[in-house]
Amino acid sequence: MTQTYAYGHWPSPFSADLLTAQNLRISEPQPFGDDIFWLESRPAEKGRNALVQLSADGQRKDVVADSIRTRAHEYGGSSYLVTSTRIFCVVDSDQRIYIFDRATSHFSALSPEGKFRYADFCWDEKHNRLLCVREDHSHVDHNTQPKIEERSEIVAIDLKGNVQVLVSGADFYSNPRLNPAGDKLSYLCWNHPQMPWDGTECYIADVNSAGEIIATQLIAGSKTESIFQPQWSPTGELFLVSDRTNWWNIYRYTNQKTEVVCAVAAEFATPQWVFGMSTYGFLNENEIFCCFSQNGQWQLSLINIATNSWRMIESNFKDISGIFCKNQRAYFLAASATESSALYCFHDNKIEKISQGSNQLFKPEDISQPQAIEFSTSDSETAYGFYYPPQNSYVTPPANTLPPLIVMCHGGPTGATETSLNIKIQFWTSRGFAVLDVNYRGSTGYGRLYRDRLKNNWGITDVIDVCSGANHLIERGLVDKNKVAIRGSSAGGYTVLAALTFSDNFKAGASLYGIGDLEALAKDTHKFESRYLDSLVGEYPAQQAIYRARSPINHIDQLNCPVIFLQGLKDKVVPSNQAEVMVAALTKKGIKNAYVTFAEEGHGFRQADNIKRAIEAELEFYLDVFE
């Protein structure tokens, strides 16, 4: 039997504890032989990344006690590699590569001590060595003009720890991969100010019998063409994903040219924020198992290489990633609108669940289903998003009232929201809030032209879109126009602060380690993103005036809305003083605000207790403001 409660006060099956349980995330699946490996991020263990092994008999165990995580490019990814006799992995505490002997369980350091970071591994069977990307931080000096940044290079490391530099000279490298014969090396590289989704170059290098690079050829990519995941087929052909025709489609390199495998108005790639991202793999010599995104939602398909034809694989998945094929089986991570992310295997046209990241402790009828919406913006263009109405099987909504709305801004800003089960969204909808998750212009999943609309316009088009999305729902009579909040973290937090400062559409806001000062970010951030703002805002310091004009921290007099700030005190990307200046200004003006800090957290909250405390404080703040 249901009962009636005021919006925002519904008794919810989605507790803050469940929120942290969902954060037990599986990533980087790797099958080898009859065993399957993956990383498992565990908030209850202070964010430790456990390397887990599942054997053929169903036994699972943690391979090592250490947290396995690389901080290369700061965001990491591709932090371990399994071979027949060894596992190579990066230990978070010192960023060195370690070897785990699979026969003896002996665990020892491979890479030398020093200021280095490693990622994106490939085993060179012919020369008995490990290939990877290395970041050399030995000579970094941010006090010089220009800054002396870390050096990126592709290196080979033998089993005695000796390091040989194979490829260097570009600002960034990724995806070093040997062909089946071991005599050709493919890789990606790019240079400032490009980000990998702006423009990358794909090379093939010839490797001689001594393991040396003897010739290199550029085969695809440019400053305006993004290449993603070059990968050798079982027969030795190189495949890759390119956005040269607006859509990230799969190509192969044959007869000294690249040709499209299937031309589709869909995205077979996603922004390369981390190493090792994979959207396709070779199920056998003739078939590619892959995922693609259309209208912001992911799907599965099989591509026949010989005929360049494809067929859909039916599933209810909404988010798909981490594809890894081995022994005619495809392993991948996926989540649906009702189930959180899990590891699956595709074999003989069947999909089998291997392991679940988090336990399911709720009923499907308590889950708010995403509704794809398309809306006109105030500058006469089109933007997209997903609307989640309030949903709770225990509650009858009160008559003659409308729910409060929370507009969500995804991070990046080059990225996209997902429509798979997100406890952070269900936490709100099950309590009687409506949610609009906006894929503002600049988001991926809608082609390169849509993605490029944010160039030179960060703080403008994204703000227009979140405001226009909220107005769209108000005009449809779906939400209470007097109870509209906006929330976001990091880059999404910047959109929040900009929307609150430069518009009057919202009645409250939540900034989770949000960027308030674009100029400070341009001056002091890590190498991977140090020129990111060149395309989003303008070249710095030449366009300093624009940076200052778009920074909310410089227009505190216009911030007249209740805001809650949630901030890690060890955050090096967005220092806490940015939030503190705005808190002080709001307090001086007598405007309701809250400042919740976390002494041991950096840029993003990883510990379970802190994640729980943050969202509970945010809920309390909204209820207080909207009473």
Foldseek 3Di string as FASTA:
>chain_A
DFAADAFLAFDFPQALLNQQLLQQDWDQWDDDDQKIWIWTFHQQVVRATFIKIQGNVGDIDGLDPFRFFWCVLHVADQAWDDDPFWIWGAGPVQQFIWIQGPVPRDIGTQADHADKHWHAWEAQPLQQWIKTKMWHQHPFDLVDVNTDATFIFIWIAHRNNDIDTAGGDARDKANFYAFPVNFKTKIKGHHPPDALQQKIWIKIFGADSVRHTDDIDTADIDNRKHKADFDAANVGWTKIWIQPVQETFIWTQDPSHIDGLEDDQWHQDAGPSYGPKDFWDDLHRFKIWGWIFALQFIFTKIAGRVVSDIDGQDDQWGDKINWDHDPSKIWIWTFHQQARIFIWIAHPSDIDTDGHSGDRDDDPQLGFAWDKDWFAFPVGDIWIWTKTAQTAPRHDYDPPAAFFEEEEQEPPVAEADIRGHNSVQSVNSPSRYMYIYTQWQLYDTRGDVSVLPLFQPLLHRLLRRSLRVVVVCVVVVHHDQQRYEYEYEASRLLSRLSNLQVHDRHQEYEYELYFQQQVVLCSDDHDSCNSVVCGNNNDPPVVVVRRLVSRSLNRLVSRQHEYEYEEECAAPNRHPVSVVSSVVSCVVVVHHYYYHYDDPDYRDRSHSVSSSVVVVVVSVSSVVSVD
